[in-house]
Amino acid sequence: MASRPQIICLTPVLNEAWILEKFLACASLWADRIVVADAGSTDESRAIAERCERAIVVHNRAGGIDEESRQRLLIDAAREIPGPKILVALDADEFLTADFERSPEWQAILTAPPGTLFQFRIINLLPGFQRAWIADGSAAAYVDDGREHVGRHIHGPRLPRPPNERRIRLNDIGVLHYQYTDWLRMESKHVWYQCYECLHYPEKHTVELFRKYHHMYCFRHRPKLTIPVESRWFEQYERAGIAMREMRSMVPWWDEAVVGMMMERGARAFARAAIWDRDWAACSAPHHAGHEEELRDPRTMRERALHAYLHATQNWPDRAPVKLIDYTLRALGA
């Protein structure tokens, strides 16, 4: 351990009991320490993290979705560990591919000079673990040089970004992304994100908001856009007794959070979000009995027609006619 920098995994957590035990078991095979920032989970997440020998659990008092604050918290906690270190920023549903140690890229990470960033490809696993699609990820590993982290409130960089950064894109080691393995949970999460962006980013067009949170459907319904899953991505973990292709199903917590947002701000605030195929009044019962009218679909006929078009084309957003119509609608303010 003393012959190389320590590897510190940085992981934010909010109600991740569905996958956290699996994540910590895998991360413990390559990370010296795992800093877990819990934002006030109401499930078993904190207890699961505290049982992990390599975990350092810190309380994210900011809570919510303030990504810049939580990343600073994680990085600051990691920097309290003495000595040179490599920071690896992963969410609880993200796993390094199991054959990482066999790759020359692993040695490249361990021997890189301070200030080097590494970008992993993201392997988005589909339900059933038979197929996946590949996407470019953001920088997820950083040979720490003590530089200050500057992020964004949402969807920002997880690690410091030096000026004239030295970034190495990895082609062999990837990150297994489990978000889409539980499709219903993912949909509930994306509904919440759409509502959040309606409140905090009112300048975003309906078309932009929809495409951002529905891109995954084209991969599920167009197999030619996906690749077969490779066993090598899981095997070392499975030999260690970790059930990588089995999932723990849990009731998503975002549905009730969405109802709470509607009760506070009114359903009309979320008319731009394509979330009205669900009966929110029924979802809220019995917690909000007597308030059913406040949770009814608030959309105008024009807004309904726009959402109908977006749903009808969600499997083909890359086709030229769809892109042209999308562009025109955004230009018209839709």
Protein backbone atom coordinates (compact mmCIF):
# COMPACT_ATOMS: atom_id res chain seq x y z
CA MET A 1 0.00 0.00 0.00
CA ALA A 2 2.84 2.43 0.85
CA SER A 3 4.43 2.05 -2.60
CA ARG A 4 1.58 3.81 -4.35
CA PRO A 5 -0.91 6.57 -3.62
CA GLN A 6 -3.95 5.59 -1.62
CA ILE A 7 -7.11 5.17 -3.69
CA ILE A 8 -10.02 7.01 -2.12
CA CYS A 9 -13.52 6.44 -3.48
CA LEU A 10 -15.93 9.39 -3.12
CA THR A 11 -19.63 8.49 -3.05
CA PRO A 12 -22.69 10.63 -2.24
CA VAL A 13 -25.69 8.73 -0.87
CA LEU A 14 -29.39 9.46 -0.45
CA ASN A 15 -31.61 6.39 0.02
CA GLU A 16 -29.40 3.96 -1.89
CA ALA A 17 -30.07 0.83 0.18
CA TRP A 18 -31.23 -0.96 -2.98
CA ILE A 19 -27.61 -1.19 -4.19
CA LEU A 20 -25.23 0.27 -1.59
CA GLU A 21 -24.12 -3.00 0.01
CA LYS A 22 -23.16 -4.38 -3.39
CA PHE A 23 -21.34 -1.16 -4.30
CA LEU A 24 -19.31 -1.07 -1.08
CA ALA A 25 -18.33 -4.74 -1.44
CA CYS A 26 -17.01 -4.09 -4.95
CA ALA A 27 -15.31 -0.79 -4.15
CA SER A 28 -13.58 -2.43 -1.17
CA LEU A 29 -11.69 -4.65 -3.65
CA TRP A 30 -9.87 -1.66 -5.18
CA ALA A 31 -10.26 1.34 -2.85
CA ASP A 32 -8.22 1.84 0.32
CA ARG A 33 -10.97 4.01 1.81
CA ILE A 34 -14.51 4.88 0.71
CA VAL A 35 -15.85 8.27 1.78
CA VAL A 36 -19.64 8.12 1.91
CA ALA A 37 -21.53 11.42 2.25
CA ASP A 38 -25.04 10.66 3.45
CA ALA A 39 -27.59 13.41 2.80
CA GLY A 40 -30.10 12.26 5.40
CA SER A 41 -31.21 8.89 4.06
CA THR A 42 -34.45 7.55 5.49
CA ASP A 43 -33.71 3.95 4.47
CA GLU A 44 -30.88 1.65 5.61
CA SER A 45 -28.15 3.46 3.65
CA ARG A 46 -26.28 4.96 6.59
CA ALA A 47 -26.34 1.70 8.59
CA ILE A 48 -25.08 -0.23 5.56
CA ALA A 49 -22.22 2.23 5.07
CA GLU A 50 -21.26 2.16 8.74
CA ARG A 51 -20.91 -1.64 8.59
CA CYS A 52 -18.31 -1.40 5.82
CA GLU A 53 -14.77 -1.54 7.26
CA ARG A 54 -13.29 0.72 4.60
CA ALA A 55 -16.02 3.34 4.69
CA ILE A 56 -15.73 6.78 6.26
CA VAL A 57 -19.26 8.10 6.69
CA VAL A 58 -19.79 11.87 6.78
CA HIS A 59 -23.03 13.78 7.15
CA ASN A 60 -24.01 15.96 4.20
CA ARG A 61 -25.85 18.66 6.13
CA ALA A 62 -26.64 20.58 2.93
CA GLY A 63 -28.85 17.65 1.87
CA GLY A 64 -30.93 17.88 -1.27
CA ILE A 65 -29.32 18.22 -4.67
CA ASP A 66 -26.49 20.70 -4.06
CA GLU A 67 -23.82 18.78 -5.94
CA GLU A 68 -21.08 21.40 -5.56
CA SER A 69 -21.42 21.39 -1.78
CA ARG A 70 -21.49 17.61 -1.50
CA GLN A 71 -18.45 17.16 -3.75
CA ARG A 72 -16.48 19.66 -1.67
CA LEU A 73 -17.50 17.73 1.44
CA LEU A 74 -16.32 14.44 -0.07
CA ILE A 75 -13.03 15.87 -1.33
CA ASP A 76 -12.29 17.66 1.94
CA ALA A 77 -12.94 14.46 3.90
CA ALA A 78 -10.63 12.50 1.60
CA ARG A 79 -7.88 15.08 1.99
CA GLU A 80 -7.88 14.57 5.75
CA ILE A 81 -6.31 11.17 4.99
CA PRO A 82 -2.54 11.76 4.97
CA GLY A 83 -0.30 11.04 2.02
CA PRO A 84 -0.62 11.05 -1.78
CA LYS A 85 -3.97 9.92 -3.05
CA ILE A 86 -6.06 9.19 -6.12
CA LEU A 87 -9.68 10.31 -5.89
CA VAL A 88 -12.28 8.18 -7.68
CA ALA A 89 -15.75 9.75 -7.78
CA LEU A 90 -18.57 7.23 -8.28
CA ASP A 91 -22.25 7.21 -7.45
CA ALA A 92 -23.63 4.19 -5.59
CA ASP A 93 -25.01 2.71 -8.82
CA GLU A 94 -21.63 2.88 -10.61
CA PHE A 95 -19.01 0.10 -10.49
CA LEU A 96 -15.58 -0.22 -12.07
CA THR A 97 -15.55 -3.15 -14.49
CA ALA A 98 -14.33 -6.18 -12.57
CA ASP A 99 -11.25 -6.84 -14.70
CA PHE A 100 -9.67 -3.46 -13.88
CA GLU A 101 -6.46 -4.89 -12.41
CA ARG A 102 -5.63 -6.84 -15.58
CA SER A 103 -5.62 -3.70 -17.68
CA PRO A 104 -2.48 -1.62 -18.31
CA GLU A 105 -4.77 1.38 -17.78
CA TRP A 106 -4.92 0.55 -14.06
CA GLN A 107 -1.15 0.96 -13.77
CA ALA A 108 -1.43 4.19 -15.74
CA ILE A 109 -3.80 5.52 -13.10
CA LEU A 110 -1.56 4.41 -10.22
CA THR A 111 1.58 5.99 -11.68
CA ALA A 112 0.20 9.19 -13.20
CA PRO A 113 1.52 12.56 -11.96
CA PRO A 114 -0.59 14.79 -9.70
CA GLY A 115 -3.22 16.78 -11.54
CA THR A 116 -4.05 14.02 -14.04
CA LEU A 117 -7.71 13.32 -14.77
CA PHE A 118 -9.05 10.02 -16.09
CA GLN A 119 -12.28 9.69 -18.04
CA PHE A 120 -14.09 6.33 -18.08
CA ARG A 121 -16.58 5.07 -20.62
CA ILE A 122 -20.01 4.47 -19.08
CA ILE A 123 -21.59 1.06 -19.67
CA ASN A 124 -25.32 1.58 -19.19
CA LEU A 125 -26.77 -1.81 -18.30
CA LEU A 126 -30.31 -2.55 -19.43
CA PRO A 127 -32.81 -4.71 -17.46
CA GLY A 128 -31.88 -8.37 -17.53
CA PHE A 129 -28.11 -7.74 -17.85
CA GLN A 130 -28.02 -8.98 -21.43
CA ARG A 131 -27.38 -5.72 -23.29
CA ALA A 132 -25.97 -2.26 -22.65
CA TRP A 133 -25.11 0.96 -24.40
CA ILE A 134 -21.87 2.88 -24.13
CA ALA A 135 -21.65 6.59 -23.39
CA ASP A 136 -18.85 9.01 -22.67
CA GLY A 137 -18.50 9.73 -18.98
CA SER A 138 -17.09 12.71 -17.17
CA ALA A 139 -13.74 12.60 -15.40
CA ALA A 140 -14.12 10.14 -12.52
CA ALA A 141 -10.53 9.67 -11.29
CA TYR A 142 -8.05 12.36 -10.29
CA VAL A 143 -4.50 12.16 -9.01
CA ASP A 144 -4.94 14.70 -6.27
CA ASP A 145 -2.81 17.82 -6.26
CA GLY A 146 -4.82 19.72 -3.66
CA ARG A 147 -6.52 22.01 -6.14
CA GLU A 148 -9.80 23.63 -5.12
CA HIS A 149 -12.94 22.08 -6.53
CA VAL A 150 -15.30 24.35 -8.47
CA GLY A 151 -18.54 22.64 -9.42
CA ARG A 152 -22.15 23.40 -10.27
CA HIS A 153 -25.38 23.05 -8.35
CA ILE A 154 -26.57 20.17 -10.55
CA HIS A 155 -24.95 17.94 -13.19
CA GLY A 156 -21.52 19.47 -12.61
CA PRO A 157 -17.98 18.02 -12.50
CA ARG A 158 -17.27 15.70 -9.61
CA LEU A 159 -13.55 16.44 -9.35
CA PRO A 160 -11.25 19.47 -9.63
CA ARG A 161 -10.50 20.66 -13.16
CA PRO A 162 -6.97 22.08 -13.44
CA PRO A 163 -6.34 24.73 -16.12
CA ASN A 164 -4.72 23.12 -19.16
CA GLU A 165 -5.83 19.83 -17.65
CA ARG A 166 -4.12 16.58 -18.50
CA ARG A 167 -7.04 14.23 -19.22
CA ILE A 168 -6.63 10.61 -20.25
CA ARG A 169 -9.59 8.81 -21.78
CA LEU A 170 -9.69 5.12 -20.84
CA ASN A 171 -10.90 2.60 -23.38
CA ASP A 172 -10.60 -0.67 -21.46
CA ILE A 173 -11.65 -0.02 -17.87
CA GLY A 174 -15.23 1.16 -17.77
CA VAL A 175 -17.94 2.07 -15.28
CA LEU A 176 -20.94 -0.24 -15.03
CA HIS A 177 -24.00 1.96 -14.57
CA TYR A 178 -26.87 0.16 -12.83
CA GLN A 179 -29.46 2.94 -12.95
CA TYR A 180 -31.38 1.41 -15.85
CA THR A 181 -31.43 -2.14 -14.50
CA ASP A 182 -34.45 -1.17 -12.37
CA TRP A 183 -36.57 0.59 -14.98
CA LEU A 184 -39.44 1.65 -12.72
CA ARG A 185 -37.07 3.11 -10.15
CA MET A 186 -35.23 5.01 -12.88
CA GLU A 187 -38.47 6.43 -14.27
CA SER A 188 -39.51 7.63 -10.82
CA LYS A 189 -36.13 9.30 -10.34
CA HIS A 190 -36.31 11.03 -13.72
CA VAL A 191 -39.81 12.31 -12.96
CA TRP A 192 -38.40 13.96 -9.84
CA TYR A 193 -35.52 15.49 -11.81
CA GLN A 194 -37.92 16.91 -14.39
CA CYS A 195 -39.95 18.55 -11.63
CA TYR A 196 -36.82 19.89 -9.98
CA GLU A 197 -35.64 21.45 -13.22
CA CYS A 198 -39.07 22.99 -13.85
CA LEU A 199 -38.63 24.92 -10.61
CA HIS A 200 -34.96 25.80 -10.82
CA TYR A 201 -34.35 26.11 -14.57
CA PRO A 202 -37.49 27.78 -15.98
CA GLU A 203 -35.55 28.87 -19.06
CA LYS A 204 -35.28 25.28 -20.30
CA HIS A 205 -37.61 24.48 -23.17
CA THR A 206 -40.07 21.59 -22.87
CA VAL A 207 -38.34 19.80 -25.76
CA GLU A 208 -34.94 20.03 -24.07
CA LEU A 209 -36.31 18.87 -20.74
CA PHE A 210 -38.07 15.89 -22.30
CA ARG A 211 -35.15 14.67 -24.42
CA LYS A 212 -32.76 14.92 -21.49
CA TYR A 213 -34.78 12.57 -19.31
CA HIS A 214 -36.14 10.17 -21.96
CA HIS A 215 -33.04 9.38 -24.02
CA MET A 216 -32.83 5.83 -22.63
CA TYR A 217 -35.98 4.60 -24.38
CA CYS A 218 -34.36 4.49 -27.81
CA PHE A 219 -31.71 2.10 -26.47
CA ARG A 220 -34.26 -0.23 -24.91
CA HIS A 221 -36.39 -0.39 -28.06
CA ARG A 222 -33.64 -0.31 -30.70
CA PRO A 223 -31.28 -3.23 -29.94
CA LYS A 224 -28.96 -2.26 -32.80
CA LEU A 225 -27.86 0.71 -30.72
CA THR A 226 -26.71 -1.58 -27.91
CA ILE A 227 -23.98 -4.19 -27.39
CA PRO A 228 -23.99 -7.59 -25.65
CA VAL A 229 -22.92 -7.54 -22.01
CA GLU A 230 -19.48 -9.10 -21.42
CA SER A 231 -18.98 -11.52 -18.53
CA ARG A 232 -15.50 -10.15 -17.85
CA TRP A 233 -17.12 -6.99 -16.53
CA PHE A 234 -18.56 -8.97 -13.58
CA GLU A 235 -16.49 -12.12 -13.07
CA GLN A 236 -13.92 -11.02 -10.47
CA TYR A 237 -16.66 -9.56 -8.30
CA GLU A 238 -18.80 -12.68 -8.69
CA ARG A 239 -15.84 -14.89 -7.71
CA ALA A 240 -15.71 -12.82 -4.52
CA GLY A 241 -19.31 -13.84 -3.83
CA ILE A 242 -20.99 -10.59 -4.95
CA ALA A 243 -24.23 -11.17 -6.87
CA MET A 244 -23.64 -8.67 -9.67
CA ARG A 245 -26.57 -9.73 -11.82
CA GLU A 246 -29.21 -9.83 -9.13
CA MET A 247 -31.06 -6.73 -7.93
CA ARG A 248 -32.84 -5.80 -4.72
CA SER A 249 -36.14 -4.17 -5.63
CA MET A 250 -37.33 -1.35 -3.38
CA VAL A 251 -40.23 1.12 -3.54
CA PRO A 252 -38.90 4.40 -5.01
CA TRP A 253 -39.06 7.35 -2.64
CA TRP A 254 -39.24 10.02 -5.35
CA ASP A 255 -42.99 9.61 -6.02
CA GLU A 256 -43.97 10.98 -2.64
CA ALA A 257 -41.35 13.72 -3.00
CA VAL A 258 -42.95 14.78 -6.30
CA VAL A 259 -46.39 14.90 -4.68
CA GLY A 260 -44.92 17.07 -1.94
CA MET A 261 -43.51 19.47 -4.53
CA MET A 262 -46.91 19.72 -6.22
CA MET A 263 -48.67 20.38 -2.93
CA GLU A 264 -46.21 23.14 -2.13
CA ARG A 265 -45.93 24.83 -5.52
CA GLY A 266 -49.11 23.78 -7.32
CA ALA A 267 -49.40 21.33 -10.21
CA ARG A 268 -49.25 24.14 -12.78
CA ALA A 269 -45.57 24.71 -11.92
CA PHE A 270 -44.81 21.31 -13.47
CA ALA A 271 -46.92 21.49 -16.62
CA ARG A 272 -43.76 21.46 -18.80
CA ALA A 273 -42.71 18.10 -17.38
CA ALA A 274 -43.89 14.97 -19.19
CA ILE A 275 -45.12 13.29 -16.02
CA TRP A 276 -48.89 13.37 -16.47
CA ASP A 277 -49.41 9.82 -17.68
CA ARG A 278 -49.62 9.02 -13.96
CA ASP A 279 -52.55 9.69 -11.64
CA TRP A 280 -50.78 11.70 -8.96
CA ALA A 281 -53.92 12.00 -6.87
CA ALA A 282 -54.05 8.19 -6.67
CA CYS A 283 -50.29 8.02 -5.96
CA SER A 284 -50.69 10.41 -3.04
CA ALA A 285 -53.56 8.62 -1.31
CA PRO A 286 -54.10 8.46 1.60
CA HIS A 287 -51.48 11.03 2.60
CA HIS A 288 -53.18 13.93 0.84
CA ALA A 289 -56.83 12.94 0.95
CA GLY A 290 -59.08 15.85 0.10
CA HIS A 291 -56.47 17.53 -2.12
CA GLU A 292 -57.06 15.48 -5.26
CA GLU A 293 -57.97 18.51 -7.38
CA GLU A 294 -54.60 20.11 -6.59
CA LEU A 295 -52.85 17.12 -8.20
CA ARG A 296 -54.82 16.95 -11.44
CA ASP A 297 -53.19 17.33 -14.84
CA PRO A 298 -52.81 21.13 -15.34
CA ARG A 299 -51.70 21.11 -18.99
CA THR A 300 -53.32 23.07 -21.78
CA MET A 301 -54.29 21.33 -25.01
CA ARG A 302 -51.16 22.79 -26.64
CA GLU A 303 -48.94 21.36 -23.89
CA ARG A 304 -50.62 17.96 -24.17
CA ALA A 305 -50.10 17.94 -27.94
CA LEU A 306 -46.42 18.79 -27.53
CA HIS A 307 -45.91 15.98 -25.04
CA ALA A 308 -47.77 13.57 -27.33
CA TYR A 309 -45.36 14.42 -30.16
CA LEU A 310 -42.34 13.98 -27.90
CA HIS A 311 -43.56 10.61 -26.64
CA ALA A 312 -44.27 9.45 -30.18
CA THR A 313 -40.73 10.27 -31.29
CA GLN A 314 -38.77 9.35 -28.16
CA ASN A 315 -37.32 6.20 -29.77
CA TRP A 316 -36.00 8.14 -32.77
CA PRO A 317 -34.57 11.47 -31.52
CA ASP A 318 -31.49 11.14 -33.73
CA ARG A 319 -33.45 11.02 -37.00
CA ALA A 320 -33.15 14.10 -39.20
CA PRO A 321 -36.88 14.95 -39.42
CA VAL A 322 -37.28 14.68 -35.64
CA LYS A 323 -34.19 16.82 -35.01
CA LEU A 324 -35.51 19.45 -37.42
CA ILE A 325 -38.92 19.55 -35.74
CA ASP A 326 -37.30 19.69 -32.30
CA TYR A 327 -35.12 22.60 -33.44
CA THR A 328 -38.13 24.45 -34.81
CA LEU A 329 -40.14 23.92 -31.65
CA ARG A 330 -37.30 25.21 -29.47
CA ALA A 331 -36.94 28.24 -31.74
CA LEU A 332 -40.65 28.92 -31.18
CA GLY A 333 -40.13 28.70 -27.43
CA ALA A 334 -41.64 25.25 -26.88
